[in-house]
Amino acid sequence: MDIEDHCSDDIQFSWDLARAFVSTMPIHHKTGIKITIKTFGCAHNVSDTEYMLGSLLDKGYDAESDFDFESNIVIINTCTVKDPSESHAVSLARKCLEKGIFVIIGGCIPQAERGDPSSFPNDIKYAILDCKVVFLGVREVIYPPELCSLLIACHRMFDSCSEALSSSARELLSKRAYQHLQPSLKQALHPLTAPTSGIRPFIIPIPIQTGCLGHCTYCKTIFARSRLQSYPLTQIVSAVRRAVLSGAVEVWFVGEDVGAWSKDFPLASQSTVPHLIHTVLTKCFPPLTVAQFAGLEYTPCRLRIGMTNPQHIFGLESEWADVLSDPRVFCFNHLPYQSGSNEVLKAMKRDYTIEKCIESWTLLQKLWSQRIIQRKNALKDLSIVLDTTSTMASSSIVPSLDDVVHKYNASQSLSPLIPIVTGPSTESARLTPHEEASFSLTSSSLVDFLKTQKSSNLEPSYMSSYDHMISSSSLHRETIVLSTDIIVGFTGESEGSHEQSKELLKLLRPQVVNTARYSRRKGTIGATLPNPLSGKEMKRRSREMNNIVESVLERSDLDGYVIHRARIVEICKDGKCAIRTQGNLQVVFENDGDLKIGDYVNVEIVRGGRVIYHGVLK
């Protein structure tokens, strides 16, 4: 039966039907059709784009993530957090239509509007009805090949396309235009095993959840991403393992509220993000070397934890300190406090007080520092067993911590006293009781054993003495990094509340601050609140907040710090290279002409700045 026979008036659009249609099309319809993607918004959107791109490449399309106006089809992956980002996405869609480019509008905007054409400007509304624009929901990121094939056939973008085939494609797209997108919760999460293609080589974002548990009065994202849904532990472990084995420099855990992961599971299955991190480190990451434990070298791959609402840290500060002090995890927390005023937080329906946030962050800093002191003490004991510079420099074998610990355990003829961090494994995600134990180098029995190993050449020559080690170590120079968000001018914010937000930044001195003027988003409770601030007042408060941010962020704390064996994560538009500190702060330096992403480099930081540091190759 031909596909035309399926497209009767009583048939609704479905992906099965679209897929059946695509299967009838000749393979050469993909030839010469250029598809590009423009991404707005957060790291989760970046991850969605990578799945869109991977699905297209997997089906043989000429697709890339670098948008340009020479494309035949453009996919715009949109963000609905603020008015400007939504306006820019809609404006781009209109420009593409003016140039005769067909558009797929994906992401949070169409999903939040449930795919209703009436919520868009007239020119886009008419383009939807004319099958020149089509929507793609946030749970449909693996279906761009189907929509692209329908657009290609509908507009006869290859010579052998028959009138009947084109009519059938138009009919399906018309059904899509009049059929509202299903709410996110009624659609399955896409599998983490779906084809994906990296926008930034060696940086792999992995969604561990979507949506949230909150009811924030200012937020429209929940209309798109809906209530919390978490990926199972086994899927996450498998995805991280694939990323590490592929040579990733960084693995990012992304989502709307990463700290809420698993809270939608049945009570018996719920866990915590620190336990998830400990599991993937144990199951997926290579063991640490002594130099990495000492903070003298960065690990080849590091894990970055995405935005976590502050209340998910409360009561778990010790567990978070454990994982954030591990050298394989960026010591970086993105905690969006949003305001320094309890009055404003209550109006926003945020689930915490600012006093509790300050108490929790202060405790986390203290506990993290204690973990670092423990590592320094272990370093001091380790330095006793290291040979002279000349002896160590001649060593060609660099044992890992596991090698040393295994040797100790074997010498005792006992069950292992020191747990071993395993490398990549094909076993299940469940930890054994042995793996559940905390990894530690502070055991006096291990230190005593190391003191007998003076003939062992454990590490490179720059570990010749404790003083040299500790002065070169990230343990000595780096601190845990706080990133936060502040909304300026929320409806009803008094002058006193504004001042409290400024004082919060002065008190905590976060290393990364994202400020934004409040946007009254259609459909939110916040948009109905009376007495919004004037534009003039909003600008004044925003200017004052930015001045505070600049004074807080200006720093030179890492000047003179030499970073050993860090991997390049980005080549910037100006040709400079970028690495990241253990606190996830970017360091840029001149490329000598031969460096590429993934290469190992030694870099000295010579000048601080606001978030970005400047360095030179050593």
Foldseek 3Di string as FASTA:
>chain_A
DALLVVLDPVDFFDLVSLVVLLVPDDLCLQPPAEEEEAEDDDPLRLQLVQLLQQLQVVSPHRYAHDDDLVHQEYEYAFDDFFPVRVVVSLVVCVVSVVSNHAYEYEHQPLLLVQLQLVVHDPVVSVCLQVLSYAYAAPQRSNRPVSSVSLSSLLVVVDDPRDPSSNVSSSSSSNSRNPHGHDHQVVHDHDQLPRGGDHNFPLEAEDEFKEADDFQFQQGSSCSRRPHIDGDDLQSVLVNLQVSVVVQHQEYEHDYPAQQCHQVPPPPVRRDGVLVSLLLSQQAHAAFAALCLLLQQAQGSYAYEYDAHAQVSLPPVLLSLLQNLLRSRYQLEYEYAPQFLDQVVCVNRRRDDHNVSSVVSVVVSQVNNLVVLVQSLVLLQLLLLQAAALVLLQPDPDADGPQVLQVVLCVVVVDDRPFQGRHHHDPDGSDDDPSSPDRGHSNDPSSSVVSNVNNVDNHDHSQSNGSVSSLVQHCSNQPGRAYEYEYEFQQFPQDPVRLVSRLVVCVVVLGLHYHYYYRHLRPPGNSVVDPDGDDPVVSVVSVVVSVVSLQVSNADDRQAFHKHFFFFWRDQDPVRWTWTADSNRFIETEHDPPPDDGSGTFIWGFHHGHRSYTYTYTD
